[in-house]
PDB file of N, CA and C in Angstrom:
ATOM      1  N   MET A   1       0.857  -1.177   0.000  1.00  0.00           N
ATOM      2  CA  MET A   1       0.000   0.000   0.000  1.00  0.00           C
ATOM      3  C   MET A   1       0.902   1.239   0.000  1.00  0.00           C
ATOM      4  N   PRO A   2       0.619   2.183  -0.874  1.00  0.00           N
ATOM      5  CA  PRO A   2       1.434   3.404  -0.891  1.00  0.00           C
ATOM      6  C   PRO A   2       1.416   4.101   0.473  1.00  0.00           C
ATOM      7  N   LEU A   3       2.503   4.736   0.768  1.00  0.00           N
ATOM      8  CA  LEU A   3       2.712   5.332   2.085  1.00  0.00           C
ATOM      9  C   LEU A   3       1.648   6.369   2.452  1.00  0.00           C
ATOM     10  N   LEU A   4       1.324   7.266   1.543  1.00  0.00           N
ATOM     11  CA  LEU A   4       0.333   8.304   1.834  1.00  0.00           C
ATOM     12  C   LEU A   4      -1.047   7.696   2.073  1.00  0.00           C
ATOM     13  N   ARG A   5      -1.423   6.752   1.254  1.00  0.00           N
ATOM     14  CA  ARG A   5      -2.726   6.096   1.408  1.00  0.00           C
ATOM     15  C   ARG A   5      -2.807   5.390   2.763  1.00  0.00           C
ATOM     16  N   GLU A   6      -1.725   4.761   3.149  1.00  0.00           N
ATOM     17  CA  GLU A   6      -1.681   4.070   4.436  1.00  0.00           C
ATOM     18  C   GLU A   6      -1.794   5.067   5.594  1.00  0.00           C
ATOM     19  N   ALA A   7      -1.128   6.193   5.472  1.00  0.00           N
ATOM     20  CA  ALA A   7      -1.189   7.221   6.517  1.00  0.00           C
ATOM     21  C   ALA A   7      -2.607   7.773   6.655  1.00  0.00           C
ATOM     22  N   VAL A   8      -3.258   8.016   5.539  1.00  0.00           N
ATOM     23  CA  VAL A   8      -4.634   8.530   5.564  1.00  0.00           C
ATOM     24  C   VAL A   8      -5.561   7.494   6.193  1.00  0.00           C
ATOM     25  N   GLU A   9      -5.407   6.248   5.814  1.00  0.00           N
ATOM     26  CA  GLU A   9      -6.256   5.194   6.370  1.00  0.00           C
ATOM     27  C   GLU A   9      -6.028   5.044   7.877  1.00  0.00           C
ATOM     28  N   ASN A  10      -4.790   5.156   8.306  1.00  0.00           N
ATOM     29  CA  ASN A  10      -4.500   5.084   9.744  1.00  0.00           C
ATOM     30  C   ASN A  10      -5.151   6.239  10.497  1.00  0.00           C
ATOM     31  N   LEU A  11      -5.100   7.429   9.923  1.00  0.00           N
ATOM     32  CA  LEU A  11      -5.757   8.582  10.555  1.00  0.00           C
ATOM     33  C   LEU A  11      -7.272   8.407  10.578  1.00  0.00           C
ATOM     34  N   ARG A  12      -7.827   7.862   9.512  1.00  0.00           N
ATOM     35  CA  ARG A  12      -9.270   7.580   9.492  1.00  0.00           C
ATOM     36  C   ARG A  12      -9.640   6.667  10.657  1.00  0.00           C
ATOM     37  N   LEU A  13      -8.840   5.635  10.863  1.00  0.00           N
ATOM     38  CA  LEU A  13      -9.113   4.699  11.951  1.00  0.00           C
ATOM     39  C   LEU A  13      -8.994   5.371  13.319  1.00  0.00           C
ATOM     40  N   VAL A  14      -8.051   6.280  13.449  1.00  0.00           N
ATOM     41  CA  VAL A  14      -7.898   7.019  14.708  1.00  0.00           C
ATOM     42  C   VAL A  14      -9.172   7.808  15.005  1.00  0.00           C
ATOM     43  N   PHE A  15      -9.674   8.526  14.014  1.00  0.00           N
ATOM     44  CA  PHE A  15     -10.869   9.339  14.244  1.00  0.00           C
ATOM     45  C   PHE A  15     -12.124   8.487  14.385  1.00  0.00           C
ATOM     46  N   ILE A  16     -12.185   7.378  13.685  1.00  0.00           N
ATOM     47  CA  ILE A  16     -13.304   6.450  13.869  1.00  0.00           C
ATOM     48  C   ILE A  16     -13.316   5.959  15.313  1.00  0.00           C
ATOM     49  N   ASN A  17     -12.162   5.572  15.809  1.00  0.00           N
ATOM     50  CA  ASN A  17     -12.073   5.084  17.190  1.00  0.00           C
ATOM     51  C   ASN A  17     -12.397   6.176  18.202  1.00  0.00           C
ATOM     52  N   ARG A  18     -11.993   7.393  17.928  1.00  0.00           N
ATOM     53  CA  ARG A  18     -12.317   8.504  18.831  1.00  0.00           C
ATOM     54  C   ARG A  18     -13.826   8.733  18.885  1.00  0.00           C
ATOM     55  N   LEU A  19     -14.468   8.705  17.727  1.00  0.00           N
ATOM     56  CA  LEU A  19     -15.919   8.909  17.684  1.00  0.00           C
ATOM     57  C   LEU A  19     -16.659   7.784  18.397  1.00  0.00           C
ATOM     58  N   ILE A  20     -16.166   6.581  18.268  1.00  0.00           N
ATOM     59  CA  ILE A  20     -16.773   5.447  18.969  1.00  0.00           C
ATOM     60  C   ILE A  20     -16.561   5.593  20.472  1.00  0.00           C
ATOM     61  N   ARG A  21     -15.358   5.969  20.862  1.00  0.00           N
ATOM     62  CA  ARG A  21     -15.014   6.081  22.282  1.00  0.00           C
ATOM     63  C   ARG A  21     -15.852   7.138  22.999  1.00  0.00           C
ATOM     64  N   ILE A  22     -16.152   8.253  22.322  1.00  0.00           N
ATOM     65  CA  ILE A  22     -16.948   9.287  22.990  1.00  0.00           C
ATOM     66  C   ILE A  22     -18.448   9.030  22.861  1.00  0.00           C
ATOM     67  N   GLY A  23     -18.800   7.948  22.185  1.00  0.00           N
ATOM     68  CA  GLY A  23     -20.200   7.548  22.121  1.00  0.00           C
ATOM     69  C   GLY A  23     -21.003   8.195  21.010  1.00  0.00           C
ATOM     70  N   ALA A  24     -20.347   8.821  20.069  1.00  0.00           N
ATOM     71  CA  ALA A  24     -21.060   9.465  18.966  1.00  0.00           C
ATOM     72  C   ALA A  24     -21.600   8.434  17.975  1.00  0.00           C
ATOM     73  N   TYR A  25     -20.912   7.327  17.856  1.00  0.00           N
ATOM     74  CA  TYR A  25     -21.306   6.254  16.944  1.00  0.00           C
ATOM     75  C   TYR A  25     -21.071   4.918  17.617  1.00  0.00           C
ATOM     76  N   LYS A  26     -21.769   3.918  17.119  1.00  0.00           N
ATOM     77  CA  LYS A  26     -21.499   2.549  17.541  1.00  0.00           C
ATOM     78  C   LYS A  26     -20.505   1.951  16.559  1.00  0.00           C
ATOM     79  N   GLN A  27     -19.745   1.010  17.030  1.00  0.00           N
ATOM     80  CA  GLN A  27     -18.715   0.404  16.192  1.00  0.00           C
ATOM     81  C   GLN A  27     -19.313  -0.266  14.958  1.00  0.00           C
ATOM     82  N   SER A  28     -20.512  -0.758  15.079  1.00  0.00           N
ATOM     83  CA  SER A  28     -21.135  -1.477  13.967  1.00  0.00           C
ATOM     84  C   SER A  28     -21.812  -0.553  12.957  1.00  0.00           C
ATOM     85  N   ASP A  29     -21.749   0.748  13.169  1.00  0.00           N
ATOM     86  CA  ASP A  29     -22.416   1.699  12.279  1.00  0.00           C
ATOM     87  C   ASP A  29     -21.688   1.776  10.932  1.00  0.00           C
ATOM     88  N   PRO A  30     -22.337   1.317   9.853  1.00  0.00           N
ATOM     89  CA  PRO A  30     -21.669   1.319   8.543  1.00  0.00           C
ATOM     90  C   PRO A  30     -21.404   2.731   8.011  1.00  0.00           C
ATOM     91  N   MET A  31     -22.206   3.685   8.424  1.00  0.00           N
ATOM     92  CA  MET A  31     -22.038   5.073   7.981  1.00  0.00           C
ATOM     93  C   MET A  31     -20.654   5.602   8.368  1.00  0.00           C
ATOM     94  N   LEU A  32     -20.231   5.240   9.539  1.00  0.00           N
ATOM     95  CA  LEU A  32     -18.959   5.720  10.067  1.00  0.00           C
ATOM     96  C   LEU A  32     -17.789   5.335   9.171  1.00  0.00           C
ATOM     97  N   HIS A  33     -17.824   4.156   8.642  1.00  0.00           N
ATOM     98  CA  HIS A  33     -16.711   3.657   7.831  1.00  0.00           C
ATOM     99  C   HIS A  33     -16.750   4.164   6.387  1.00  0.00           C
ATOM    100  N   LYS A  34     -17.819   4.850   6.031  1.00  0.00           N
ATOM    101  CA  LYS A  34     -17.928   5.409   4.684  1.00  0.00           C
ATOM    102  C   LYS A  34     -17.452   6.860   4.619  1.00  0.00           C
ATOM    103  N   LEU A  35     -17.261   7.485   5.769  1.00  0.00           N
ATOM    104  CA  LEU A  35     -16.862   8.889   5.796  1.00  0.00           C
ATOM    105  C   LEU A  35     -15.399   9.060   5.391  1.00  0.00           C
ATOM    106  N   THR A  36     -15.125  10.179   4.741  1.00  0.00           N
ATOM    107  CA  THR A  36     -13.743  10.502   4.387  1.00  0.00           C
ATOM    108  C   THR A  36     -13.016  11.009   5.628  1.00  0.00           C
ATOM    109  N   LEU A  37     -11.715  11.139   5.525  1.00  0.00           N
ATOM    110  CA  LEU A  37     -10.935  11.652   6.646  1.00  0.00           C
ATOM    111  C   LEU A  37     -11.402  13.053   7.029  1.00  0.00           C
ATOM    112  N   SER A  38     -11.615  13.896   6.058  1.00  0.00           N
ATOM    113  CA  SER A  38     -12.079  15.267   6.344  1.00  0.00           C
ATOM    114  C   SER A  38     -13.433  15.257   7.046  1.00  0.00           C
ATOM    115  N   GLU A  39     -14.324  14.407   6.590  1.00  0.00           N
ATOM    116  CA  GLU A  39     -15.642  14.314   7.219  1.00  0.00           C
ATOM    117  C   GLU A  39     -15.533  13.794   8.651  1.00  0.00           C
ATOM    118  N   LEU A  40     -14.659  12.833   8.863  1.00  0.00           N
ATOM    119  CA  LEU A  40     -14.461  12.298  10.209  1.00  0.00           C
ATOM    120  C   LEU A  40     -13.906  13.360  11.157  1.00  0.00           C
ATOM    121  N   ILE A  41     -12.957  14.126  10.670  1.00  0.00           N
ATOM    122  CA  ILE A  41     -12.372  15.188  11.499  1.00  0.00           C
ATOM    123  C   ILE A  41     -13.435  16.226  11.845  1.00  0.00           C
ATOM    124  N   ASP A  42     -14.213  16.641  10.863  1.00  0.00           N
ATOM    125  CA  ASP A  42     -15.287  17.608  11.116  1.00  0.00           C
ATOM    126  C   ASP A  42     -16.303  17.053  12.105  1.00  0.00           C
ATOM    127  N   GLU A  43     -16.685  15.817  11.911  1.00  0.00           N
ATOM    128  CA  GLU A  43     -17.654  15.177  12.808  1.00  0.00           C
ATOM    129  C   GLU A  43     -17.101  15.113  14.228  1.00  0.00           C
ATOM    130  N   TYR A  44     -15.842  14.783  14.350  1.00  0.00           N
ATOM    131  CA  TYR A  44     -15.211  14.711  15.671  1.00  0.00           C
ATOM    132  C   TYR A  44     -15.188  16.086  16.338  1.00  0.00           C
ATOM    133  N   LYS A  45     -14.796  17.098  15.595  1.00  0.00           N
ATOM    134  CA  LYS A  45     -14.754  18.453  16.153  1.00  0.00           C
ATOM    135  C   LYS A  45     -16.139  18.901  16.610  1.00  0.00           C
ATOM    136  N   ASN A  46     -17.141  18.677  15.772  1.00  0.00           N
ATOM    137  CA  ASN A  46     -18.501  19.089  16.117  1.00  0.00           C
ATOM    138  C   ASN A  46     -19.035  18.301  17.308  1.00  0.00           C
ATOM    139  N   THR A  47     -18.782  17.022  17.324  1.00  0.00           N
ATOM    140  CA  THR A  47     -19.258  16.179  18.417  1.00  0.00           C
ATOM    141  C   THR A  47     -18.570  16.555  19.718  1.00  0.00           C
ATOM    142  N   LYS A  48     -17.281  16.796  19.641  1.00  0.00           N
ATOM    143  CA  LYS A  48     -16.527  17.169  20.838  1.00  0.00           C
ATOM    144  C   LYS A  48     -17.013  18.516  21.376  1.00  0.00           C
ATOM    145  N   LYS A  49     -17.283  19.449  20.470  1.00  0.00           N
ATOM    146  CA  LYS A  49     -17.785  20.762  20.869  1.00  0.00           C
ATOM    147  C   LYS A  49     -19.153  20.620  21.548  1.00  0.00           C
ATOM    148  N   ASP A  50     -20.027  19.806  20.964  1.00  0.00           N
ATOM    149  CA  ASP A  50     -21.348  19.574  21.546  1.00  0.00           C
ATOM    150  C   ASP A  50     -21.235  18.913  22.916  1.00  0.00           C
ATOM    151  N   TYR A  51     -20.305  17.985  23.050  1.00  0.00           N
ATOM    152  CA  TYR A  51     -20.101  17.287  24.310  1.00  0.00           C
ATOM    153  C   TYR A  51     -19.648  18.260  25.399  1.00  0.00           C
ATOM    154  N   LYS A  52     -18.732  19.153  25.052  1.00  0.00           N
ATOM    155  CA  LYS A  52     -18.253  20.138  26.026  1.00  0.00           C
ATOM    156  C   LYS A  52     -19.373  21.088  26.428  1.00  0.00           C
ATOM    157  N   THR A  53     -20.209  21.472  25.471  1.00  0.00           N
ATOM    158  CA  THR A  53     -21.333  22.362  25.759  1.00  0.00           C
ATOM    159  C   THR A  53     -22.307  21.692  26.720  1.00  0.00           C
ATOM    160  N   LYS A  54     -22.590  20.420  26.509  1.00  0.00           N
ATOM    161  CA  LYS A  54     -23.486  19.682  27.401  1.00  0.00           C
ATOM    162  C   LYS A  54     -22.917  19.606  28.807  1.00  0.00           C
ATOM    163  N   GLN A  55     -21.615  19.392  28.911  1.00  0.00           N
ATOM    164  CA  GLN A  55     -20.986  19.302  30.226  1.00  0.00           C
ATOM    165  C   GLN A  55     -21.090  20.628  30.968  1.00  0.00           C
ATOM    166  N   ARG A  56     -20.911  21.725  30.265  1.00  0.00           N
ATOM    167  CA  ARG A  56     -21.004  23.043  30.903  1.00  0.00           C
ATOM    168  C   ARG A  56     -22.416  23.303  31.406  1.00  0.00           C
ATOM    169  N   LYS A  57     -23.409  22.912  30.623  1.00  0.00           N
ATOM    170  CA  LYS A  57     -24.801  23.132  31.013  1.00  0.00           C
ATOM    171  C   LYS A  57     -25.170  22.299  32.231  1.00  0.00           C
ATOM    172  N   GLN A  58     -24.560  21.126  32.368  1.00  0.00           N
ATOM    173  CA  GLN A  58     -24.859  20.255  33.498  1.00  0.00           C
ATOM    174  C   GLN A  58     -24.197  20.744  34.778  1.00  0.00           C
ATOM    175  N   SER A  59     -23.152  21.527  34.658  1.00  0.00           N
ATOM    176  CA  SER A  59     -22.421  22.008  35.843  1.00  0.00           C
ATOM    177  C   SER A  59     -23.151  23.121  36.548  1.00  0.00           C
TER     178      SER A  59
END
């Protein structure tokens, strides 16, 4: 596998795992594995921002 493609795929997996870990998606969700790296990063940023906002409101 070409080096750049492998690096992108590894980053995709990192963000997929982050989204699963924070509970935004389930591991079995096929939608998650269809997203591009850019989409995953955006989704992670938005989800993380929403999560922080919820925590502040609960405090």
